[in-house]
Amino acid sequence: MSAPHTTTVAHTDAPPSGMDRSAPAAARAKIDVAIAAGVVLLYLLLSLALLPASEYPRALGYASLIFAAVAAAAWAIGPGTPGLGVMAVAFAAFWVLGMPTLPAMGGRYPVAMPLAFLGTHAAALLWAVLRWRARPPGTMIGLKEAWSVSLRWIARKAAPAALLVLIGLVASLREVVVFLWMIPAYIAGFGAAATAYWALQRIAHLATARYLMGFLAATCVYGAVGPVVFLMRDEPMDIGLMVLLGVVAGGFVGPPVAFVRAPELPEAPGVDLSPTPRATRAQRRRGRAAGRDRLR
């Protein structure tokens, strides 16, 4: 008699389908979309509650058109890296929503300006969320390492640039002393920015978190430099104005930089990293390495 035939079933931990593998990425995308939609809704509700009816055509009508146009453009382009499009959307939205609220442009309602700022960032955040390509969490770093990176960046770029400008433009001893305050201001600003990155790095794979990281980091840098600017202009310190300028400048500059500098992360099991229309640098590098291995 022949031995009974047995069939061995191989068990694997791999997910059974591509839909299951895409579940983590889909969950992250839903979180981002929910937060962005919440910011848009908050802006619309606050505008409806706080502004007079005469402001509704701009604050509600134009804003709704902007949000719809941003969503349509992001859907047409598809997922990828938001990049400098975040800044372009922010400036375009501010031109429509914010410029008419400035007193110099005929604005009559002080509350309209912060609302326009909120609407501007709601549009930019919506663009960032809809263009963001879902990715897994990256490698965690410690607070000391984050500070070390910021100090190396200052030593490599900010400090030499400050000294070159100092040599070329400064004449008097007082101006030299004032300008040298830029270096500790940079250290304080970038140190605070590194702390913000360290605190939020666990959720940095979310588009909304990366937007917030860029906003906070740039606000810290511009806020730290603000007092030196007042010293250079020999004007009394205006804390409120310094905070306002830091928030406005940081809000326009920080988020785009955070997305432009977004690192490409390696693929991880169970995470959907579907290819974008144009291969990333990391994808091209992995493809070349695999080709070399096949030739050996």
Protein backbone atom coordinates (compact mmCIF):
# COMPACT_ATOMS: atom_id res chain seq x y z
CA MET A 1 0.00 0.00 0.00
CA SER A 2 1.19 3.41 -0.81
CA ALA A 3 1.68 6.00 1.87
CA PRO A 4 -1.28 8.31 2.31
CA HIS A 5 -0.89 11.57 0.47
CA THR A 6 -0.77 14.59 2.74
CA THR A 7 -1.05 18.21 1.76
CA THR A 8 0.92 20.83 3.66
CA VAL A 9 -0.63 24.29 3.83
CA ALA A 10 1.88 27.09 4.18
CA HIS A 11 0.86 29.81 6.57
CA THR A 12 2.00 33.34 6.03
CA ASP A 13 1.59 36.57 7.93
CA ALA A 14 1.10 38.53 4.73
CA PRO A 15 -2.28 40.24 4.36
CA PRO A 16 -4.63 38.38 2.02
CA SER A 17 -5.31 41.20 -0.35
CA GLY A 18 -4.10 44.59 -1.52
CA MET A 19 -7.18 46.14 0.04
CA ASP A 20 -6.10 44.87 3.46
CA ARG A 21 -2.59 46.20 2.97
CA SER A 22 -3.98 49.61 2.14
CA ALA A 23 -6.02 49.77 5.34
CA PRO A 24 -3.41 51.64 7.45
CA ALA A 25 -2.86 54.22 4.73
CA ALA A 26 -6.61 54.64 4.22
CA ALA A 27 -7.09 55.18 7.95
CA ARG A 28 -4.42 57.88 8.01
CA ALA A 29 -5.96 59.58 4.99
CA LYS A 30 -9.37 59.61 6.69
CA ILE A 31 -7.88 61.26 9.77
CA ASP A 32 -6.26 63.97 7.66
CA VAL A 33 -9.42 64.62 5.63
CA ALA A 34 -11.56 64.77 8.78
CA ILE A 35 -9.25 67.36 10.40
CA ALA A 36 -9.06 69.49 7.24
CA ALA A 37 -12.83 69.36 6.81
CA GLY A 38 -13.20 70.36 10.45
CA VAL A 39 -10.99 73.43 9.95
CA VAL A 40 -12.98 74.44 6.86
CA LEU A 41 -16.26 74.00 8.74
CA LEU A 42 -14.92 75.97 11.73
CA TYR A 43 -14.00 78.86 9.45
CA LEU A 44 -17.44 78.89 7.80
CA LEU A 45 -19.30 78.73 11.12
CA LEU A 46 -17.20 81.47 12.74
CA SER A 47 -17.61 83.70 9.69
CA LEU A 48 -21.36 83.14 9.78
CA ALA A 49 -21.53 83.92 13.50
CA LEU A 50 -19.10 86.83 13.83
CA LEU A 51 -19.29 88.77 10.57
CA PRO A 52 -22.10 91.07 9.40
CA ALA A 53 -24.19 90.04 6.42
CA SER A 54 -22.36 92.51 4.19
CA GLU A 55 -19.21 90.34 4.51
CA TYR A 56 -20.92 87.07 3.57
CA PRO A 57 -20.29 87.28 -0.19
CA ARG A 58 -16.52 87.39 0.35
CA ALA A 59 -16.13 85.40 3.56
CA LEU A 60 -18.60 82.65 2.66
CA GLY A 61 -19.23 82.82 -1.09
CA TYR A 62 -15.69 83.36 -2.34
CA ALA A 63 -14.29 81.06 0.34
CA SER A 64 -16.59 78.23 -0.73
CA LEU A 65 -15.44 78.68 -4.33
CA ILE A 66 -11.80 78.58 -3.19
CA PHE A 67 -12.32 75.39 -1.18
CA ALA A 68 -14.12 73.74 -4.10
CA ALA A 69 -11.41 74.80 -6.58
CA VAL A 70 -8.63 73.55 -4.30
CA ALA A 71 -10.36 70.18 -3.86
CA ALA A 72 -10.99 69.83 -7.61
CA ALA A 73 -7.39 70.73 -8.52
CA ALA A 74 -5.92 68.37 -5.93
CA TRP A 75 -8.19 65.54 -7.13
CA ALA A 76 -7.22 66.17 -10.76
CA ILE A 77 -3.47 66.17 -10.03
CA GLY A 78 -3.60 63.17 -7.74
CA PRO A 79 -1.56 62.13 -4.69
CA GLY A 80 2.07 63.09 -4.34
CA THR A 81 4.03 65.68 -2.39
CA PRO A 82 2.14 68.97 -1.85
CA GLY A 83 5.37 70.98 -2.07
CA LEU A 84 5.29 74.68 -2.85
CA GLY A 85 1.68 74.33 -3.96
CA VAL A 86 0.82 74.85 -0.30
CA MET A 87 2.35 78.33 -0.45
CA ALA A 88 0.70 79.12 -3.79
CA VAL A 89 -2.74 78.18 -2.45
CA ALA A 90 -2.13 80.18 0.76
CA PHE A 91 -1.16 83.35 -1.10
CA ALA A 92 -4.04 83.02 -3.56
CA ALA A 93 -6.55 82.45 -0.76
CA PHE A 94 -5.18 85.38 1.25
CA TRP A 95 -5.40 87.64 -1.78
CA VAL A 96 -9.11 86.91 -2.05
CA LEU A 97 -10.05 86.53 1.63
CA GLY A 98 -7.47 88.58 3.51
CA MET A 99 -6.54 91.61 1.44
CA PRO A 100 -10.02 93.20 1.54
CA THR A 101 -10.01 92.97 5.36
CA LEU A 102 -6.88 95.11 5.80
CA PRO A 103 -7.59 98.67 7.01
CA ALA A 104 -5.46 100.09 4.19
CA MET A 105 -7.69 98.25 1.70
CA GLY A 106 -10.94 99.49 3.23
CA GLY A 107 -11.53 96.77 5.79
CA ARG A 108 -13.91 97.90 8.55
CA TYR A 109 -14.20 94.87 10.81
CA PRO A 110 -11.15 93.87 12.91
CA VAL A 111 -12.49 90.35 13.48
CA ALA A 112 -12.46 89.76 9.72
CA MET A 113 -8.64 89.68 9.58
CA PRO A 114 -8.02 86.69 11.88
CA LEU A 115 -10.94 84.90 10.23
CA ALA A 116 -9.38 85.49 6.82
CA PHE A 117 -6.10 84.09 8.17
CA LEU A 118 -7.96 81.00 9.34
CA GLY A 119 -9.67 80.64 5.96
CA THR A 120 -6.35 80.99 4.19
CA HIS A 121 -4.85 78.12 6.17
CA ALA A 122 -8.01 76.06 5.80
CA ALA A 123 -7.56 76.22 2.02
CA ALA A 124 -3.81 75.47 2.19
CA LEU A 125 -4.36 72.58 4.62
CA LEU A 126 -7.07 71.15 2.37
CA TRP A 127 -4.63 71.18 -0.55
CA ALA A 128 -1.91 69.55 1.53
CA VAL A 129 -4.22 66.81 2.81
CA LEU A 130 -5.67 65.92 -0.58
CA ARG A 131 -2.25 65.91 -2.28
CA TRP A 132 -0.42 64.06 0.51
CA ARG A 133 0.75 60.56 -0.33
CA ALA A 134 0.10 58.32 2.67
CA ARG A 135 3.23 56.92 4.26
CA PRO A 136 4.20 54.97 7.39
CA PRO A 137 5.69 56.54 10.52
CA GLY A 138 9.39 57.34 10.24
CA THR A 139 12.33 56.71 12.52
CA MET A 140 12.10 58.41 15.91
CA ILE A 141 14.90 60.66 17.15
CA GLY A 142 15.65 61.98 20.62
CA LEU A 143 15.41 65.58 21.76
CA LYS A 144 19.20 65.94 22.03
CA GLU A 145 19.61 64.69 18.48
CA ALA A 146 16.99 67.16 17.24
CA TRP A 147 18.82 70.02 18.96
CA SER A 148 22.12 68.78 17.54
CA VAL A 149 20.71 68.83 14.01
CA SER A 150 19.45 72.40 14.48
CA LEU A 151 22.83 73.57 15.79
CA ARG A 152 24.66 71.94 12.88
CA TRP A 153 22.29 73.65 10.46
CA ILE A 154 22.98 77.04 12.07
CA ALA A 155 26.73 76.47 12.04
CA ARG A 156 26.67 75.38 8.40
CA LYS A 157 24.33 77.99 6.93
CA ALA A 158 22.91 80.67 9.18
CA ALA A 159 26.03 81.78 11.06
CA PRO A 160 28.33 82.15 8.01
CA ALA A 161 25.62 84.05 6.14
CA ALA A 162 25.13 86.37 9.10
CA LEU A 163 28.86 87.06 9.33
CA LEU A 164 29.13 87.79 5.60
CA VAL A 165 26.28 90.28 5.78
CA LEU A 166 27.83 91.74 8.91
CA ILE A 167 31.17 92.32 7.18
CA GLY A 168 29.57 93.83 4.10
CA LEU A 169 26.91 96.08 5.61
CA VAL A 170 27.76 97.03 9.18
CA ALA A 171 29.86 100.09 9.95
CA SER A 172 29.46 101.12 13.59
CA LEU A 173 30.28 99.14 16.74
CA ARG A 174 26.69 99.37 17.97
CA GLU A 175 25.38 97.86 14.76
CA VAL A 176 27.94 95.07 15.06
CA VAL A 177 26.77 94.24 18.59
CA VAL A 178 23.09 94.36 17.60
CA PHE A 179 23.64 92.23 14.52
CA LEU A 180 25.60 89.63 16.48
CA TRP A 181 22.44 89.05 18.50
CA MET A 182 21.12 87.28 15.40
CA ILE A 183 23.22 84.21 16.20
CA PRO A 184 21.72 83.52 19.68
CA ALA A 185 18.32 84.42 18.23
CA TYR A 186 18.80 81.77 15.56
CA ILE A 187 19.94 79.27 18.19
CA ALA A 188 16.85 79.95 20.31
CA GLY A 189 14.51 79.89 17.32
CA PHE A 190 15.86 76.72 15.74
CA GLY A 191 16.12 75.06 19.15
CA ALA A 192 12.41 75.73 19.71
CA ALA A 193 11.68 74.50 16.17
CA ALA A 194 13.62 71.29 16.85
CA THR A 195 11.63 70.81 20.06
CA ALA A 196 8.37 71.19 18.15
CA TYR A 197 9.55 68.59 15.64
CA TRP A 198 10.60 66.20 18.39
CA ALA A 199 7.24 66.58 20.17
CA LEU A 200 5.18 65.91 17.02
CA GLN A 201 7.38 63.38 15.20
CA ARG A 202 5.18 60.43 16.25
CA ILE A 203 2.40 61.76 14.02
CA ALA A 204 4.60 63.39 11.36
CA HIS A 205 3.36 60.87 8.78
CA LEU A 206 0.01 62.69 8.83
CA ALA A 207 -0.33 65.66 6.50
CA THR A 208 -2.08 67.73 9.17
CA ALA A 209 0.70 67.06 11.68
CA ARG A 210 3.41 67.95 9.17
CA TYR A 211 1.54 71.19 8.38
CA LEU A 212 1.42 72.02 12.10
CA MET A 213 5.10 71.16 12.54
CA GLY A 214 6.10 73.54 9.76
CA PHE A 215 3.83 76.27 11.12
CA LEU A 216 5.19 76.01 14.67
CA ALA A 217 8.84 75.66 13.62
CA ALA A 218 8.83 78.70 11.34
CA THR A 219 6.87 80.74 13.89
CA CYS A 220 9.54 79.95 16.50
CA VAL A 221 12.34 81.08 14.17
CA TYR A 222 10.66 84.30 13.03
CA GLY A 223 9.52 85.06 16.57
CA ALA A 224 13.05 84.68 17.92
CA VAL A 225 14.49 86.99 15.25
CA GLY A 226 11.81 89.64 15.82
CA PRO A 227 13.48 91.37 18.82
CA VAL A 228 16.74 91.72 16.89
CA VAL A 229 14.89 93.42 14.04
CA PHE A 230 13.47 95.97 16.47
CA LEU A 231 16.95 96.54 17.94
CA MET A 232 18.41 97.10 14.49
CA ARG A 233 15.70 99.64 13.68
CA ASP A 234 16.18 101.30 17.10
CA GLU A 235 12.48 101.07 17.86
CA PRO A 236 10.75 100.18 21.15
CA MET A 237 9.80 96.54 21.51
CA ASP A 238 6.23 95.73 20.61
CA ILE A 239 5.61 92.19 21.86
CA GLY A 240 2.18 91.94 20.27
CA LEU A 241 3.48 93.02 16.87
CA MET A 242 6.44 90.62 17.09
CA VAL A 243 4.14 87.71 17.87
CA LEU A 244 1.77 88.71 15.07
CA LEU A 245 4.56 88.97 12.49
CA GLY A 246 6.08 85.70 13.65
CA VAL A 247 2.76 83.85 13.32
CA VAL A 248 1.94 85.36 9.93
CA ALA A 249 5.39 84.79 8.44
CA GLY A 250 5.68 81.35 9.98
CA GLY A 251 2.24 80.40 8.71
CA PHE A 252 3.10 81.24 5.12
CA VAL A 253 6.68 79.89 5.04
CA GLY A 254 6.74 76.94 7.44
CA PRO A 255 4.17 74.47 6.03
CA PRO A 256 5.49 74.59 2.43
CA VAL A 257 9.04 73.99 3.66
CA ALA A 258 7.85 71.08 5.82
CA PHE A 259 6.33 69.39 2.77
CA VAL A 260 9.18 70.20 0.39
CA ARG A 261 11.64 68.70 2.89
CA ALA A 262 9.43 65.64 3.50
CA PRO A 263 11.74 62.58 3.53
CA GLU A 264 10.99 59.56 1.39
CA LEU A 265 10.34 56.64 3.70
CA PRO A 266 11.11 52.99 2.94
CA GLU A 267 8.31 50.55 2.32
CA ALA A 268 7.02 48.62 5.31
CA PRO A 269 4.93 45.42 5.48
CA GLY A 270 1.21 46.05 5.63
CA VAL A 271 1.46 49.65 4.42
CA ASP A 272 0.19 50.84 1.09
CA LEU A 273 2.77 52.88 -0.77
CA SER A 274 1.18 52.79 -4.20
CA PRO A 275 3.38 54.37 -6.88
CA THR A 276 2.81 57.94 -7.91
CA PRO A 277 2.75 58.97 -11.59
CA ARG A 278 6.39 60.01 -11.34
CA ALA A 279 8.83 57.79 -9.47
CA THR A 280 10.42 59.29 -6.39
CA ARG A 281 14.17 59.54 -5.98
CA ALA A 282 14.12 56.72 -3.41
CA GLN A 283 12.12 54.48 -5.77
CA ARG A 284 14.58 55.12 -8.60
CA ARG A 285 17.51 54.38 -6.28
CA ARG A 286 15.98 51.08 -5.15
CA GLY A 287 15.29 50.14 -8.78
CA ARG A 288 18.89 50.78 -9.80
CA ALA A 289 20.16 48.72 -6.83
CA ALA A 290 17.87 45.83 -7.73
CA GLY A 291 19.13 45.97 -11.34
CA ARG A 292 22.75 45.77 -10.22
CA ASP A 293 21.94 42.76 -8.02
CA ARG A 294 20.36 40.93 -10.94
CA LEU A 295 23.44 41.52 -13.12
CA ARG A 296 25.83 40.01 -10.55
